[in-house]
Amino acid sequence: RIMVLRYGNLIEEGVTRDLLDDPKEKYTRELLSVRSFRKERYQPDKDRSVILEVRNMSASYIKGIKVVDNINLKINRGKTVAVVGESGSGKTSLARVITGMLPPLEGKIIFDGQELAPALKSRDRESLRRMQMIYQMPDVALNPRQKIRKILGRPLTFYFGMTGKERENRIIELLEITELPEKFTERYPGELSGGEKQRVCIARAIAAKPDLIICDEVTSALDQLVAEEILKLLHNLQREMNE
C-alpha cells in the first residue's frame, strides 16, 4: 500500500497498483508525474495479521504547530507501505513518532496488538528489538570511531547477550547477507562508500531480528545505480525473512 502525506496531513491512501494507475488527488498525480514507474503484474498476497497500527496520531516540535495531524495507518505483517510526499511533508516526523523518538501529542501506536509507550526511553528492550529503523544519512547513523565489527556486534550483545565466537560468526553472517566482504569487520565507516555504509546500517537493523523495519529515505543520499541495488537488497531480505 501507499499513503501520500502533505504538510502532515494524509492526502490519499490505497493499494499500490491502484494508486499508481489511478490516483484520485491532484497532489498525488503531480508526484507521480515526476518520474515513471515500471509496471509489474500485481498479485494479491494472502491475508496477514496487522503488525502496526497508528490511531489518530498528531505530533509537534513546537507548541501549536503540528507536523503530523490525525494520521491513521495499518501495516500488515510481511507487507511494504510507502509513505510519499515532498520535503517537509511529515514523512520523517511520522517515522520518529512511531519509533518513539518524537512522543505524540495524541493518538496511539499499537504494535502486534499491544499499545506502545509514547517515548522511546519508556519502551522495554523487546519492543525496541522488534522495531528497527534505517536512517537517511549513514554518515550520521554510524559512529565514525567504531569499526564495523563493533557496530554490528553491539545489537547482538544488547538484545541476545552474544559474545565471543558466537557473536563473531553472526557478524560475518550479517555481512554475507548484505553482500559485504568479511574483511570489512576491521574497517571504519569512513573507509566505505555511501552504498557500503548503508548496507552496514541494514545489517545492523536485521541483527536484531526485527518484525518491522522503518526506512527513512534510505536511498536519497545515493546515486541511482547504488540506490537500485539497496532497494533490491531490501526486497530480497523481506522476501527471505517472511518465507
Foldseek 3Di string as FASTA:
>chain_A
DEWEFAQQETDDDDDPVCCLVDPDDPQSVVVCVVDDDDDDDDDDDDDAAWFKWWAQWWFDPDPPRTSHGGDTDTDGFLDDYHYDDDPSRNPVVVVCQQQAVTQTPDTFMAGPNRTADRHNVPGDPVVNLQEAEQEQFLVVVFDQVAQLLCLQLVLCCVQPVDDDPVSLVLSCVLCVLLVHHSVSRGPGPVVDDRLVSSSSSVSSSCSSVHRYYHYHNNCPVDDDVSSVVVVVSVVVVSVVSVD
